Amino acid sequence: MIFQKRLKELRNAKGTSQIAIAAALGITDRGYRKYEAGDSEPTLSVIIALADYFDVSLDYLCGRSDDPARH
């Protein structure tokens, strides 16, 4: 649940669309929407790409830390 919440928060903070993120990651916009809605789980490679895209740590994105900084 926290993963989906963080995805949405990060997307809104960046001021970008689901379509733009999907295009940047090379995935379908439908696929990204499913990740954000919690209807599907991304692969590890997609999770890493999302963390890189938003410039946050994997621990933050996955809810293991409240500190978004990459170490």
PDB file of N, CA and C in Angstrom:
ATOM      1  N   MET A   1       0.812  -1.194   0.000  1.00  0.00           N
ATOM      2  CA  MET A   1       0.000   0.000   0.000  1.00  0.00           C
ATOM      3  C   MET A   1       0.859   1.264   0.000  1.00  0.00           C
ATOM      4  N   ILE A   2       1.938   1.240   0.786  1.00  0.00           N
ATOM      5  CA  ILE A   2       2.780   2.428   0.838  1.00  0.00           C
ATOM      6  C   ILE A   2       3.468   2.680  -0.500  1.00  0.00           C
ATOM      7  N   PHE A   3       3.816   1.610  -1.207  1.00  0.00           N
ATOM      8  CA  PHE A   3       4.461   1.766  -2.509  1.00  0.00           C
ATOM      9  C   PHE A   3       3.566   2.564  -3.451  1.00  0.00           C
ATOM     10  N   GLN A   4       2.305   2.201  -3.531  1.00  0.00           N
ATOM     11  CA  GLN A   4       1.366   2.888  -4.416  1.00  0.00           C
ATOM     12  C   GLN A   4       1.190   4.346  -3.992  1.00  0.00           C
ATOM     13  N   LYS A   5       1.084   4.575  -2.692  1.00  0.00           N
ATOM     14  CA  LYS A   5       0.924   5.939  -2.171  1.00  0.00           C
ATOM     15  C   LYS A   5       2.139   6.794  -2.520  1.00  0.00           C
ATOM     16  N   ARG A   6       3.313   6.217  -2.343  1.00  0.00           N
ATOM     17  CA  ARG A   6       4.533   6.978  -2.642  1.00  0.00           C
ATOM     18  C   ARG A   6       4.653   7.275  -4.135  1.00  0.00           C
ATOM     19  N   LEU A   7       4.285   6.312  -4.973  1.00  0.00           N
ATOM     20  CA  LEU A   7       4.323   6.566  -6.419  1.00  0.00           C
ATOM     21  C   LEU A   7       3.470   7.771  -6.773  1.00  0.00           C
ATOM     22  N   LYS A   8       2.255   7.786  -6.263  1.00  0.00           N
ATOM     23  CA  LYS A   8       1.336   8.885  -6.572  1.00  0.00           C
ATOM     24  C   LYS A   8       1.857  10.211  -6.017  1.00  0.00           C
ATOM     25  N   GLU A   9       2.347  10.200  -4.781  1.00  0.00           N
ATOM     26  CA  GLU A   9       2.890  11.420  -4.182  1.00  0.00           C
ATOM     27  C   GLU A   9       4.078  11.949  -4.978  1.00  0.00           C
ATOM     28  N   LEU A  10       4.977  11.059  -5.362  1.00  0.00           N
ATOM     29  CA  LEU A  10       6.155  11.475  -6.125  1.00  0.00           C
ATOM     30  C   LEU A  10       5.765  12.019  -7.495  1.00  0.00           C
ATOM     31  N   ARG A  11       4.810  11.363  -8.141  1.00  0.00           N
ATOM     32  CA  ARG A  11       4.356  11.835  -9.453  1.00  0.00           C
ATOM     33  C   ARG A  11       3.735  13.219  -9.334  1.00  0.00           C
ATOM     34  N   ASN A  12       2.888  13.418  -8.326  1.00  0.00           N
ATOM     35  CA  ASN A  12       2.249  14.718  -8.141  1.00  0.00           C
ATOM     36  C   ASN A  12       3.269  15.796  -7.791  1.00  0.00           C
ATOM     37  N   ALA A  13       4.244  15.463  -6.946  1.00  0.00           N
ATOM     38  CA  ALA A  13       5.280  16.424  -6.575  1.00  0.00           C
ATOM     39  C   ALA A  13       6.119  16.827  -7.782  1.00  0.00           C
ATOM     40  N   LYS A  14       6.333  15.888  -8.677  1.00  0.00           N
ATOM     41  CA  LYS A  14       7.114  16.167  -9.889  1.00  0.00           C
ATOM     42  C   LYS A  14       6.272  16.901 -10.931  1.00  0.00           C
ATOM     43  N   GLY A  15       4.951  16.851 -10.755  1.00  0.00           N
ATOM     44  CA  GLY A  15       4.058  17.537 -11.685  1.00  0.00           C
ATOM     45  C   GLY A  15       4.018  16.895 -13.055  1.00  0.00           C
ATOM     46  N   THR A  16       4.072  15.592 -13.092  1.00  0.00           N
ATOM     47  CA  THR A  16       4.071  14.887 -14.367  1.00  0.00           C
ATOM     48  C   THR A  16       2.907  13.907 -14.439  1.00  0.00           C
ATOM     49  N   SER A  17       2.665  13.417 -15.617  1.00  0.00           N
ATOM     50  CA  SER A  17       1.527  12.513 -15.822  1.00  0.00           C
ATOM     51  C   SER A  17       1.969  11.054 -15.776  1.00  0.00           C
ATOM     52  N   GLN A  18       1.007  10.187 -15.584  1.00  0.00           N
ATOM     53  CA  GLN A  18       1.272   8.754 -15.626  1.00  0.00           C
ATOM     54  C   GLN A  18       1.796   8.363 -17.004  1.00  0.00           C
ATOM     55  N   ILE A  19       1.256   8.973 -18.035  1.00  0.00           N
ATOM     56  CA  ILE A  19       1.674   8.679 -19.409  1.00  0.00           C
ATOM     57  C   ILE A  19       3.144   9.048 -19.617  1.00  0.00           C
ATOM     58  N   ALA A  20       3.553  10.209 -19.095  1.00  0.00           N
ATOM     59  CA  ALA A  20       4.936  10.657 -19.258  1.00  0.00           C
ATOM     60  C   ALA A  20       5.910   9.733 -18.528  1.00  0.00           C
ATOM     61  N   ILE A  21       5.529   9.302 -17.339  1.00  0.00           N
ATOM     62  CA  ILE A  21       6.398   8.394 -16.582  1.00  0.00           C
ATOM     63  C   ILE A  21       6.522   7.060 -17.309  1.00  0.00           C
ATOM     64  N   ALA A  22       5.400   6.543 -17.757  1.00  0.00           N
ATOM     65  CA  ALA A  22       5.406   5.269 -18.480  1.00  0.00           C
ATOM     66  C   ALA A  22       6.302   5.356 -19.712  1.00  0.00           C
ATOM     67  N   ALA A  23       6.192   6.450 -20.449  1.00  0.00           N
ATOM     68  CA  ALA A  23       7.014   6.622 -21.649  1.00  0.00           C
ATOM     69  C   ALA A  23       8.498   6.688 -21.291  1.00  0.00           C
ATOM     70  N   ALA A  24       8.828   7.401 -20.215  1.00  0.00           N
ATOM     71  CA  ALA A  24      10.225   7.523 -19.798  1.00  0.00           C
ATOM     72  C   ALA A  24      10.806   6.178 -19.372  1.00  0.00           C
ATOM     73  N   LEU A  25       9.967   5.317 -18.824  1.00  0.00           N
ATOM     74  CA  LEU A  25      10.420   4.008 -18.350  1.00  0.00           C
ATOM     75  C   LEU A  25      10.293   2.919 -19.403  1.00  0.00           C
ATOM     76  N   GLY A  26       9.634   3.230 -20.509  1.00  0.00           N
ATOM     77  CA  GLY A  26       9.466   2.237 -21.563  1.00  0.00           C
ATOM     78  C   GLY A  26       8.438   1.175 -21.226  1.00  0.00           C
ATOM     79  N   ILE A  27       7.429   1.571 -20.452  1.00  0.00           N
ATOM     80  CA  ILE A  27       6.334   0.665 -20.112  1.00  0.00           C
ATOM     81  C   ILE A  27       5.032   1.283 -20.599  1.00  0.00           C
ATOM     82  N   THR A  28       3.965   0.512 -20.581  1.00  0.00           N
ATOM     83  CA  THR A  28       2.682   1.059 -21.027  1.00  0.00           C
ATOM     84  C   THR A  28       2.087   1.940 -19.937  1.00  0.00           C
ATOM     85  N   ASP A  29       1.297   2.928 -20.357  1.00  0.00           N
ATOM     86  CA  ASP A  29       0.648   3.776 -19.358  1.00  0.00           C
ATOM     87  C   ASP A  29      -0.358   2.965 -18.540  1.00  0.00           C
ATOM     88  N   ARG A  30      -0.972   1.985 -19.163  1.00  0.00           N
ATOM     89  CA  ARG A  30      -1.894   1.100 -18.442  1.00  0.00           C
ATOM     90  C   ARG A  30      -1.152   0.339 -17.346  1.00  0.00           C
ATOM     91  N   GLY A  31       0.041  -0.136 -17.679  1.00  0.00           N
ATOM     92  CA  GLY A  31       0.862  -0.837 -16.695  1.00  0.00           C
ATOM     93  C   GLY A  31       1.208   0.054 -15.517  1.00  0.00           C
ATOM     94  N   TYR A  32       1.605   1.290 -15.814  1.00  0.00           N
ATOM     95  CA  TYR A  32       1.946   2.216 -14.730  1.00  0.00           C
ATOM     96  C   TYR A  32       0.726   2.512 -13.863  1.00  0.00           C
ATOM     97  N   ARG A  33      -0.410   2.735 -14.492  1.00  0.00           N
ATOM     98  CA  ARG A  33      -1.641   3.003 -13.728  1.00  0.00           C
ATOM     99  C   ARG A  33      -1.952   1.847 -12.783  1.00  0.00           C
ATOM    100  N   LYS A  34      -1.720   0.626 -13.245  1.00  0.00           N
ATOM    101  CA  LYS A  34      -1.960  -0.551 -12.396  1.00  0.00           C
ATOM    102  C   LYS A  34      -1.006  -0.568 -11.198  1.00  0.00           C
ATOM    103  N   TYR A  35       0.235  -0.154 -11.392  1.00  0.00           N
ATOM    104  CA  TYR A  35       1.175  -0.084 -10.272  1.00  0.00           C
ATOM    105  C   TYR A  35       0.673   0.917  -9.238  1.00  0.00           C
ATOM    106  N   GLU A  36       0.258   2.086  -9.711  1.00  0.00           N
ATOM    107  CA  GLU A  36      -0.185   3.140  -8.807  1.00  0.00           C
ATOM    108  C   GLU A  36      -1.491   2.768  -8.103  1.00  0.00           C
ATOM    109  N   ALA A  37      -2.337   2.008  -8.752  1.00  0.00           N
ATOM    110  CA  ALA A  37      -3.614   1.586  -8.167  1.00  0.00           C
ATOM    111  C   ALA A  37      -3.463   0.354  -7.279  1.00  0.00           C
ATOM    112  N   GLY A  38      -2.321  -0.301  -7.352  1.00  0.00           N
ATOM    113  CA  GLY A  38      -2.108  -1.509  -6.569  1.00  0.00           C
ATOM    114  C   GLY A  38      -2.702  -2.752  -7.200  1.00  0.00           C
ATOM    115  N   ASP A  39      -3.038  -2.664  -8.477  1.00  0.00           N
ATOM    116  CA  ASP A  39      -3.615  -3.805  -9.184  1.00  0.00           C
ATOM    117  C   ASP A  39      -2.561  -4.737  -9.777  1.00  0.00           C
ATOM    118  N   SER A  40      -1.307  -4.282  -9.787  1.00  0.00           N
ATOM    119  CA  SER A  40      -0.215  -5.070 -10.343  1.00  0.00           C
ATOM    120  C   SER A  40       1.069  -4.676  -9.625  1.00  0.00           C
ATOM    121  N   GLU A  41       2.010  -5.588  -9.549  1.00  0.00           N
ATOM    122  CA  GLU A  41       3.295  -5.303  -8.925  1.00  0.00           C
ATOM    123  C   GLU A  41       4.385  -5.251  -9.988  1.00  0.00           C
ATOM    124  N   PRO A  42       5.203  -4.201  -9.952  1.00  0.00           N
ATOM    125  CA  PRO A  42       6.274  -4.090 -10.942  1.00  0.00           C
ATOM    126  C   PRO A  42       7.406  -5.069 -10.663  1.00  0.00           C
ATOM    127  N   THR A  43       8.162  -5.348 -11.695  1.00  0.00           N
ATOM    128  CA  THR A  43       9.356  -6.174 -11.539  1.00  0.00           C
ATOM    129  C   THR A  43      10.425  -5.358 -10.811  1.00  0.00           C
ATOM    130  N   LEU A  44      11.439  -6.035 -10.341  1.00  0.00           N
ATOM    131  CA  LEU A  44      12.530  -5.346  -9.662  1.00  0.00           C
ATOM    132  C   LEU A  44      13.176  -4.314 -10.578  1.00  0.00           C
ATOM    133  N   SER A  45      13.344  -4.642 -11.844  1.00  0.00           N
ATOM    134  CA  SER A  45      13.978  -3.688 -12.765  1.00  0.00           C
ATOM    135  C   SER A  45      13.126  -2.431 -12.932  1.00  0.00           C
ATOM    136  N   VAL A  46      11.821  -2.571 -12.904  1.00  0.00           N
ATOM    137  CA  VAL A  46      10.940  -1.397 -13.004  1.00  0.00           C
ATOM    138  C   VAL A  46      10.994  -0.594 -11.707  1.00  0.00           C
ATOM    139  N   ILE A  47      11.045  -1.261 -10.569  1.00  0.00           N
ATOM    140  CA  ILE A  47      11.149  -0.549  -9.290  1.00  0.00           C
ATOM    141  C   ILE A  47      12.439   0.265  -9.246  1.00  0.00           C
ATOM    142  N   ILE A  48      13.525  -0.322  -9.711  1.00  0.00           N
ATOM    143  CA  ILE A  48      14.800   0.400  -9.763  1.00  0.00           C
ATOM    144  C   ILE A  48      14.693   1.596 -10.701  1.00  0.00           C
ATOM    145  N   ALA A  49      14.078   1.405 -11.858  1.00  0.00           N
ATOM    146  CA  ALA A  49      13.905   2.504 -12.815  1.00  0.00           C
ATOM    147  C   ALA A  49      13.044   3.614 -12.219  1.00  0.00           C
ATOM    148  N   LEU A  50      12.012   3.255 -11.468  1.00  0.00           N
ATOM    149  CA  LEU A  50      11.161   4.259 -10.817  1.00  0.00           C
ATOM    150  C   LEU A  50      11.954   5.050  -9.776  1.00  0.00           C
ATOM    151  N   ALA A  51      12.751   4.363  -8.975  1.00  0.00           N
ATOM    152  CA  ALA A  51      13.578   5.046  -7.978  1.00  0.00           C
ATOM    153  C   ALA A  51      14.556   5.997  -8.662  1.00  0.00           C
ATOM    154  N   ASP A  52      15.152   5.562  -9.755  1.00  0.00           N
ATOM    155  CA  ASP A  52      16.059   6.428 -10.514  1.00  0.00           C
ATOM    156  C   ASP A  52      15.308   7.617 -11.102  1.00  0.00           C
ATOM    157  N   TYR A  53      14.141   7.371 -11.668  1.00  0.00           N
ATOM    158  CA  TYR A  53      13.346   8.434 -12.290  1.00  0.00           C
ATOM    159  C   TYR A  53      12.996   9.518 -11.269  1.00  0.00           C
ATOM    160  N   PHE A  54      12.573   9.097 -10.081  1.00  0.00           N
ATOM    161  CA  PHE A  54      12.169  10.057  -9.051  1.00  0.00           C
ATOM    162  C   PHE A  54      13.337  10.503  -8.173  1.00  0.00           C
ATOM    163  N   ASP A  55      14.523   9.926  -8.401  1.00  0.00           N
ATOM    164  CA  ASP A  55      15.735  10.245  -7.642  1.00  0.00           C
ATOM    165  C   ASP A  55      15.528  10.032  -6.139  1.00  0.00           C
ATOM    166  N   VAL A  56      14.977   8.871  -5.803  1.00  0.00           N
ATOM    167  CA  VAL A  56      14.782   8.490  -4.405  1.00  0.00           C
ATOM    168  C   VAL A  56      15.401   7.113  -4.184  1.00  0.00           C
ATOM    169  N   SER A  57      15.575   6.768  -2.926  1.00  0.00           N
ATOM    170  CA  SER A  57      16.131   5.449  -2.618  1.00  0.00           C
ATOM    171  C   SER A  57      15.072   4.367  -2.803  1.00  0.00           C
ATOM    172  N   LEU A  58      15.536   3.163  -3.034  1.00  0.00           N
ATOM    173  CA  LEU A  58      14.622   2.021  -3.115  1.00  0.00           C
ATOM    174  C   LEU A  58      13.903   1.823  -1.786  1.00  0.00           C
ATOM    175  N   ASP A  59      14.617   2.019  -0.679  1.00  0.00           N
ATOM    176  CA  ASP A  59      13.994   1.862   0.636  1.00  0.00           C
ATOM    177  C   ASP A  59      12.840   2.841   0.819  1.00  0.00           C
ATOM    178  N   TYR A  60      13.021   4.074   0.381  1.00  0.00           N
ATOM    179  CA  TYR A  60      11.937   5.055   0.488  1.00  0.00           C
ATOM    180  C   TYR A  60      10.755   4.643  -0.382  1.00  0.00           C
ATOM    181  N   LEU A  61      11.020   4.306  -1.610  1.00  0.00           N
ATOM    182  CA  LEU A  61       9.957   3.946  -2.542  1.00  0.00           C
ATOM    183  C   LEU A  61       9.160   2.745  -2.036  1.00  0.00           C
ATOM    184  N   CYS A  62       9.837   1.809  -1.417  1.00  0.00           N
ATOM    185  CA  CYS A  62       9.176   0.582  -0.940  1.00  0.00           C
ATOM    186  C   CYS A  62       8.655   0.687   0.490  1.00  0.00           C
ATOM    187  N   GLY A  63       8.833   1.843   1.129  1.00  0.00           N
ATOM    188  CA  GLY A  63       8.283   2.042   2.464  1.00  0.00           C
ATOM    189  C   GLY A  63       9.151   1.566   3.607  1.00  0.00           C
ATOM    190  N   ARG A  64      10.404   1.263   3.321  1.00  0.00           N
ATOM    191  CA  ARG A  64      11.313   0.812   4.386  1.00  0.00           C
ATOM    192  C   ARG A  64      12.000   1.976   5.086  1.00  0.00           C
ATOM    193  N   SER A  65      11.852   3.183   4.542  1.00  0.00           N
ATOM    194  CA  SER A  65      12.462   4.376   5.111  1.00  0.00           C
ATOM    195  C   SER A  65      11.573   5.570   4.793  1.00  0.00           C
ATOM    196  N   ASP A  66      11.617   6.566   5.668  1.00  0.00           N
ATOM    197  CA  ASP A  66      10.896   7.802   5.396  1.00  0.00           C
ATOM    198  C   ASP A  66      11.824   8.873   4.834  1.00  0.00           C
ATOM    199  N   ASP A  67      13.077   8.514   4.620  1.00  0.00           N
ATOM    200  CA  ASP A  67      14.073   9.422   4.063  1.00  0.00           C
ATOM    201  C   ASP A  67      14.245   9.114   2.575  1.00  0.00           C
ATOM    202  N   PRO A  68      13.817  10.049   1.709  1.00  0.00           N
ATOM    203  CA  PRO A  68      13.909   9.778   0.271  1.00  0.00           C
ATOM    204  C   PRO A  68      15.324   9.859  -0.305  1.00  0.00           C
ATOM    205  N   ALA A  69      16.268  10.397   0.468  1.00  0.00           N
ATOM    206  CA  ALA A  69      17.624  10.599  -0.050  1.00  0.00           C
ATOM    207  C   ALA A  69      18.294   9.279  -0.392  1.00  0.00           C
ATOM    208  N   ARG A  70      19.005   9.305  -1.494  1.00  0.00           N
ATOM    209  CA  ARG A  70      19.798   8.140  -1.906  1.00  0.00           C
ATOM    210  C   ARG A  70      21.130   8.199  -1.178  1.00  0.00           C
ATOM    211  N   HIS A  71      21.590   7.080  -0.691  1.00  0.00           N
ATOM    212  CA  HIS A  71      22.859   7.042   0.063  1.00  0.00           C
ATOM    213  C   HIS A  71      23.889   6.257  -0.695  1.00  0.00           C
TER     214      HIS A  71
END
